[in-house]
Amino acid sequence: MEQLWEELIMSEDIRRKELADFLKNRRQRLTPEAVGLPGSNGIRRRSSGLRREEVATLAGISLHWYTALEQGRDIRVSDSVLESLARVLHLEQDERVHLYILANRNAPLESSSEAATTMQADPELALIVNQFGHMPAYAIDGQWNLLKWNEAASKMFGGFNHICEKSGMKNFIYLLFTDPELRNKFVDWETSAAMLVAAFRTAYARRMENPCVNVIVEDLEEESAEFAEMWKRHDVRSLRENQFRLVHPAVGELDVRSNAFYAAGYEDVTLVVYTPATVVDEEQLRKLDEVSFP
């Protein structure tokens, strides 16, 4: 126990040092002109970049507090302070997320309609999804809104275009409980739905302050007593490595495993791919190629 405690302390020391070095490095990269301060006017500065007091003033925090951060002291950092520092230091999105991680905080996840529209229009995301050929694959955002799907997924689940247009929604968990066509693709729907609700709650835990994801939960609780009952269980699980038994009128029943990949190049995007459980299931999936596109 004592050894574990020492290891935790050492880990925290390393994290605080990384945070201190990162802040100092990014501070020294900026010039006064870059942040709207008067230039040096030919006067040589003792060190490159911004001074600590300049960063503190621009971020609206005390010099003593910011100095403690750069010295790797054990102090707590709020999200508002991190956002101010990210703004002042001109951090890009990846750098902003890295700052939150070093400060031992969860970076706020973006899920605005503009971000979703951008991802839906991204041809690279469509290219990635289409690479899986006969294996059903689709990309969802943090709220489980469908962004892209391949032809195999549309065939397997009854035509995503048709389902989404009919319901006016593109949210997978919502459609799972409200659309009979999608529901009927799962042989043991109740067990499958319970697994997916547990995975959705895991995603929800990181976004519960987002009003959009709360609207989805509230709407489903009103429209589906089954969802409301499953939601009360507070079950959680990963979206990957779950096995489902699906059925398609042209190929019959088959077993697939869900695999979840988190796309590093996209903000809050998960790629879900269904792979066949056996060689027989593989052959059945390939038969979908012969099915007319719904």
Protein backbone atom coordinates (compact mmCIF):
# COMPACT_ATOMS: atom_id res chain seq x y z
CA MET A 1 0.00 0.00 0.00
CA GLU A 2 2.82 2.37 0.90
CA GLN A 3 4.56 1.60 -2.41
CA LEU A 4 1.36 2.33 -4.35
CA TRP A 5 0.98 5.65 -2.54
CA GLU A 6 4.57 6.57 -3.38
CA GLU A 7 3.96 5.70 -7.04
CA LEU A 8 0.86 7.90 -7.13
CA ILE A 9 2.78 10.81 -5.63
CA MET A 10 5.55 10.33 -8.18
CA SER A 11 2.99 10.24 -11.01
CA GLU A 12 1.46 13.52 -9.81
CA ASP A 13 4.91 15.09 -9.59
CA ILE A 14 5.62 14.09 -13.19
CA ARG A 15 2.27 15.45 -14.37
CA ARG A 16 2.79 18.80 -12.62
CA LYS A 17 6.29 19.09 -14.09
CA GLU A 18 4.91 18.38 -17.56
CA LEU A 19 2.26 21.06 -17.06
CA ALA A 20 4.85 23.56 -15.86
CA ASP A 21 7.18 22.86 -18.81
CA PHE A 22 4.30 23.03 -21.30
CA LEU A 23 3.09 26.42 -20.04
CA LYS A 24 6.62 27.83 -20.02
CA ASN A 25 7.31 26.51 -23.53
CA ARG A 26 4.14 28.01 -25.00
CA ARG A 27 4.66 31.30 -23.16
CA GLN A 28 8.15 31.63 -24.59
CA ARG A 29 6.90 31.01 -28.13
CA LEU A 30 4.70 34.12 -28.15
CA THR A 31 5.75 37.68 -28.78
CA PRO A 32 4.12 40.73 -27.15
CA GLU A 33 2.82 41.77 -30.57
CA ALA A 34 1.08 38.40 -31.04
CA VAL A 35 -1.13 39.03 -28.01
CA GLY A 36 -1.77 42.72 -28.64
CA LEU A 37 0.86 44.15 -26.29
CA PRO A 38 3.25 46.95 -27.27
CA GLY A 39 6.46 45.74 -28.88
CA SER A 40 9.91 45.92 -27.34
CA ASN A 41 10.78 49.13 -29.29
CA GLY A 42 14.35 47.97 -29.68
CA ILE A 43 14.81 47.20 -25.99
CA ARG A 44 16.27 43.74 -25.52
CA ARG A 45 14.30 41.45 -23.23
CA ARG A 46 16.10 39.21 -20.79
CA SER A 47 14.18 36.18 -22.07
CA SER A 48 12.27 35.31 -25.22
CA GLY A 49 8.51 35.30 -25.39
CA LEU A 50 6.04 36.74 -22.92
CA ARG A 51 6.80 37.43 -19.30
CA ARG A 52 4.92 35.57 -16.59
CA GLU A 53 3.26 38.76 -15.41
CA GLU A 54 2.00 39.42 -18.94
CA VAL A 55 0.38 35.99 -19.20
CA ALA A 56 -1.13 36.36 -15.74
CA THR A 57 -2.57 39.79 -16.52
CA LEU A 58 -4.03 38.72 -19.87
CA ALA A 59 -5.54 35.58 -18.32
CA GLY A 60 -7.01 37.50 -15.39
CA ILE A 61 -5.18 35.55 -12.68
CA SER A 62 -2.62 36.58 -10.08
CA LEU A 63 1.09 36.49 -10.89
CA HIS A 64 1.75 34.50 -7.70
CA TRP A 65 -0.78 31.84 -8.75
CA TYR A 66 0.53 31.57 -12.33
CA THR A 67 4.13 31.40 -11.10
CA ALA A 68 3.14 28.51 -8.84
CA LEU A 69 1.77 26.69 -11.90
CA GLU A 70 5.04 27.13 -13.82
CA GLN A 71 6.96 25.95 -10.79
CA GLY A 72 5.01 22.70 -10.67
CA ARG A 73 3.41 23.28 -7.30
CA ASP A 74 0.43 21.23 -6.12
CA ILE A 75 -2.48 23.60 -6.83
CA ARG A 76 -5.96 23.01 -8.27
CA VAL A 77 -6.87 24.51 -11.62
CA SER A 78 -10.43 25.33 -12.69
CA ASP A 79 -11.80 24.95 -16.21
CA SER A 80 -12.28 28.72 -16.51
CA VAL A 81 -8.60 29.33 -15.74
CA LEU A 82 -7.53 26.69 -18.27
CA GLU A 83 -9.74 28.27 -20.93
CA SER A 84 -8.20 31.67 -20.20
CA LEU A 85 -4.68 30.26 -20.47
CA ALA A 86 -5.53 28.43 -23.69
CA ARG A 87 -6.86 31.68 -25.16
CA VAL A 88 -3.90 33.80 -24.05
CA LEU A 89 -1.31 31.25 -25.21
CA HIS A 90 -3.07 30.81 -28.58
CA LEU A 91 -3.35 27.05 -28.14
CA GLU A 92 -4.76 24.96 -30.97
CA GLN A 93 -7.42 22.35 -30.21
CA ASP A 94 -4.98 19.47 -29.67
CA GLU A 95 -2.84 21.67 -27.43
CA ARG A 96 -5.92 22.77 -25.48
CA VAL A 97 -6.92 19.15 -24.80
CA HIS A 98 -3.33 18.39 -23.78
CA LEU A 99 -3.41 21.30 -21.33
CA TYR A 100 -6.55 19.89 -19.69
CA ILE A 101 -5.01 16.42 -19.43
CA LEU A 102 -1.85 17.78 -17.79
CA ALA A 103 -4.00 19.75 -15.36
CA ASN A 104 -5.86 16.52 -14.51
CA ARG A 105 -9.14 17.84 -15.88
CA ASN A 106 -11.55 16.56 -18.54
CA ALA A 107 -11.56 18.80 -21.59
CA PRO A 108 -15.08 20.04 -22.41
CA LEU A 109 -16.41 18.09 -25.39
CA GLU A 110 -17.83 20.03 -28.30
CA SER A 111 -21.02 18.85 -29.92
CA SER A 112 -22.52 21.91 -31.56
CA SER A 113 -24.67 21.66 -34.65
CA GLU A 114 -21.94 23.43 -36.63
CA ALA A 115 -19.37 20.81 -35.60
CA ALA A 116 -21.76 17.99 -36.53
CA THR A 117 -22.45 19.59 -39.91
CA THR A 118 -18.73 19.91 -40.57
CA MET A 119 -18.10 16.25 -39.75
CA GLN A 120 -21.04 15.06 -41.84
CA ALA A 121 -19.68 16.94 -44.85
CA ASP A 122 -16.11 15.68 -44.41
CA PRO A 123 -15.25 13.39 -47.36
CA GLU A 124 -12.40 11.77 -45.42
CA LEU A 125 -14.81 10.50 -42.78
CA ALA A 126 -16.97 8.93 -45.51
CA LEU A 127 -13.86 7.40 -47.07
CA ILE A 128 -12.86 5.81 -43.76
CA VAL A 129 -16.32 4.33 -43.20
CA ASN A 130 -16.50 2.95 -46.74
CA GLN A 131 -13.18 1.12 -46.38
CA PHE A 132 -14.88 -1.65 -44.37
CA GLY A 133 -16.68 -3.02 -47.45
CA HIS A 134 -19.13 -5.79 -46.55
CA MET A 135 -18.79 -5.16 -42.78
CA PRO A 136 -21.42 -2.71 -41.47
CA ALA A 137 -19.78 0.48 -40.22
CA TYR A 138 -20.97 3.90 -39.16
CA ALA A 139 -19.58 6.99 -37.45
CA ILE A 140 -21.38 8.67 -34.54
CA ASP A 141 -20.68 11.80 -32.54
CA GLY A 142 -20.61 12.05 -28.75
CA GLN A 143 -24.42 12.14 -28.58
CA TRP A 144 -24.67 9.09 -30.87
CA ASN A 145 -25.96 11.10 -33.81
CA LEU A 146 -25.24 9.22 -37.05
CA LEU A 147 -22.69 11.11 -39.14
CA LYS A 148 -21.71 8.64 -41.86
CA TRP A 149 -22.42 5.01 -42.68
CA ASN A 150 -21.39 2.58 -45.37
CA GLU A 151 -23.64 0.65 -47.72
CA ALA A 152 -23.37 -2.55 -45.68
CA ALA A 153 -24.67 -0.79 -42.56
CA SER A 154 -27.57 0.70 -44.44
CA LYS A 155 -28.51 -2.69 -45.90
CA MET A 156 -28.14 -4.52 -42.61
CA PHE A 157 -30.19 -2.06 -40.55
CA GLY A 158 -32.93 -1.40 -43.10
CA GLY A 159 -31.78 1.75 -44.83
CA PHE A 160 -30.45 4.52 -42.59
CA ASN A 161 -31.49 7.21 -45.07
CA HIS A 162 -35.07 5.95 -45.03
CA ILE A 163 -35.15 5.50 -41.24
CA CYS A 164 -33.68 8.93 -40.52
CA GLU A 165 -35.93 10.73 -42.98
CA LYS A 166 -39.04 8.96 -41.65
CA SER A 167 -38.36 9.82 -38.01
CA GLY A 168 -36.71 13.19 -38.56
CA MET A 169 -33.92 12.04 -36.25
CA LYS A 170 -30.41 10.72 -36.85
CA ASN A 171 -29.71 9.60 -33.30
CA PHE A 172 -28.93 5.89 -33.09
CA ILE A 173 -30.10 5.27 -29.52
CA TYR A 174 -33.32 7.20 -30.17
CA LEU A 175 -34.04 5.23 -33.34
CA LEU A 176 -33.27 1.95 -31.57
CA PHE A 177 -36.26 2.51 -29.27
CA THR A 178 -38.64 4.33 -31.61
CA ASP A 179 -38.21 2.82 -35.07
CA PRO A 180 -39.74 -0.65 -35.62
CA GLU A 181 -37.55 -1.38 -38.68
CA LEU A 182 -34.30 -0.89 -36.79
CA ARG A 183 -35.65 -2.67 -33.73
CA ASN A 184 -36.61 -5.73 -35.75
CA LYS A 185 -33.02 -6.18 -36.97
CA PHE A 186 -31.99 -7.37 -33.49
CA VAL A 187 -33.10 -10.95 -32.76
CA ASP A 188 -32.88 -10.50 -28.97
CA TRP A 189 -33.77 -6.82 -28.99
CA GLU A 190 -34.14 -6.40 -25.23
CA THR A 191 -30.69 -7.80 -24.42
CA SER A 192 -29.08 -5.85 -27.26
CA ALA A 193 -30.85 -2.63 -26.31
CA ALA A 194 -29.76 -3.02 -22.67
CA MET A 195 -26.11 -3.34 -23.76
CA LEU A 196 -26.38 -0.28 -25.99
CA VAL A 197 -28.10 1.79 -23.29
CA ALA A 198 -25.25 0.88 -20.92
CA ALA A 199 -22.73 2.02 -23.52
CA PHE A 200 -24.71 5.20 -24.13
CA ARG A 201 -24.68 5.96 -20.39
CA THR A 202 -20.90 5.64 -20.41
CA ALA A 203 -20.78 8.30 -23.15
CA TYR A 204 -23.42 10.37 -21.31
CA ALA A 205 -21.25 10.55 -18.17
CA ARG A 206 -18.73 12.66 -20.08
CA ARG A 207 -21.42 14.96 -21.51
CA MET A 208 -24.11 15.27 -18.86
CA GLU A 209 -23.68 19.06 -18.76
CA ASN A 210 -24.48 19.25 -22.48
CA PRO A 211 -28.18 20.22 -22.89
CA CYS A 212 -28.42 18.38 -26.22
CA VAL A 213 -27.63 14.96 -24.77
CA ASN A 214 -30.01 15.58 -21.88
CA VAL A 215 -32.81 16.36 -24.33
CA ILE A 216 -32.25 12.97 -25.98
CA VAL A 217 -32.54 11.20 -22.61
CA GLU A 218 -35.61 13.19 -21.57
CA ASP A 219 -37.38 12.58 -24.88
CA LEU A 220 -36.68 8.86 -24.75
CA GLU A 221 -37.84 8.56 -21.14
CA GLU A 222 -41.16 10.10 -22.21
CA GLU A 223 -41.57 8.07 -25.40
CA SER A 224 -40.28 4.67 -24.28
CA ALA A 225 -41.07 2.97 -20.98
CA GLU A 226 -38.47 0.34 -21.93
CA PHE A 227 -35.74 2.94 -22.21
CA ALA A 228 -36.81 4.58 -18.95
CA GLU A 229 -36.57 1.24 -17.16
CA MET A 230 -33.14 0.41 -18.61
CA TRP A 231 -31.86 3.92 -17.87
CA LYS A 232 -32.78 3.57 -14.19
CA ARG A 233 -30.45 0.58 -13.87
CA HIS A 234 -27.33 2.77 -14.28
CA ASP A 235 -25.57 -0.05 -16.13
CA VAL A 236 -22.35 0.94 -17.90
CA ARG A 237 -20.16 -0.85 -20.43
CA SER A 238 -17.86 -0.20 -23.34
CA LEU A 239 -19.27 0.22 -26.84
CA ARG A 240 -16.74 -2.32 -28.13
CA GLU A 241 -16.59 -6.10 -27.85
CA ASN A 242 -20.36 -6.64 -27.58
CA GLN A 243 -21.97 -9.46 -29.53
CA PHE A 244 -25.34 -9.06 -31.24
CA ARG A 245 -27.55 -11.45 -33.17
CA LEU A 246 -28.96 -9.64 -36.19
CA VAL A 247 -31.45 -10.73 -38.82
CA HIS A 248 -31.95 -9.68 -42.42
CA PRO A 249 -34.74 -11.02 -44.67
CA ALA A 250 -32.29 -11.83 -47.48
CA VAL A 251 -29.49 -13.50 -45.47
CA GLY A 252 -31.17 -14.76 -42.30
CA GLU A 253 -29.71 -14.56 -38.79
CA LEU A 254 -26.04 -13.89 -38.07
CA ASP A 255 -23.83 -13.05 -35.12
CA VAL A 256 -21.63 -9.96 -35.17
CA ARG A 257 -19.29 -8.27 -32.72
CA SER A 258 -19.23 -4.50 -32.34
CA ASN A 259 -15.87 -2.74 -32.41
CA ALA A 260 -15.45 0.91 -31.45
CA PHE A 261 -12.58 3.11 -32.62
CA TYR A 262 -12.11 6.69 -31.54
CA ALA A 263 -11.06 8.89 -34.44
CA ALA A 264 -8.06 10.98 -33.39
CA GLY A 265 -8.48 13.33 -36.34
CA TYR A 266 -12.03 14.27 -35.43
CA GLU A 267 -13.52 15.91 -32.38
CA ASP A 268 -15.62 13.46 -30.40
CA VAL A 269 -16.23 10.91 -33.18
CA THR A 270 -16.54 7.14 -32.72
CA LEU A 271 -16.34 4.64 -35.57
CA VAL A 272 -18.45 1.52 -34.95
CA VAL A 273 -17.71 -1.57 -37.05
CA TYR A 274 -19.58 -4.90 -36.87
CA THR A 275 -17.36 -7.89 -37.61
CA PRO A 276 -18.63 -11.46 -38.18
CA ALA A 277 -18.37 -13.81 -35.20
CA THR A 278 -17.69 -16.93 -37.33
CA VAL A 279 -16.79 -17.91 -40.88
CA VAL A 280 -20.46 -18.69 -41.53
CA ASP A 281 -21.45 -15.20 -40.40
CA GLU A 282 -18.74 -13.83 -42.68
CA GLU A 283 -20.32 -15.60 -45.65
CA GLN A 284 -23.76 -14.28 -44.74
CA LEU A 285 -22.49 -10.72 -44.47
CA ARG A 286 -20.96 -11.01 -47.93
CA LYS A 287 -24.41 -11.98 -49.28
CA LEU A 288 -25.54 -8.44 -48.47
CA ASP A 289 -23.54 -7.33 -51.51
CA GLU A 290 -26.21 -8.94 -53.66
CA VAL A 291 -29.09 -7.17 -51.86
CA SER A 292 -30.61 -4.13 -53.52
CA PHE A 293 -29.73 -0.92 -51.72
CA PRO A 294 -32.69 0.22 -49.59
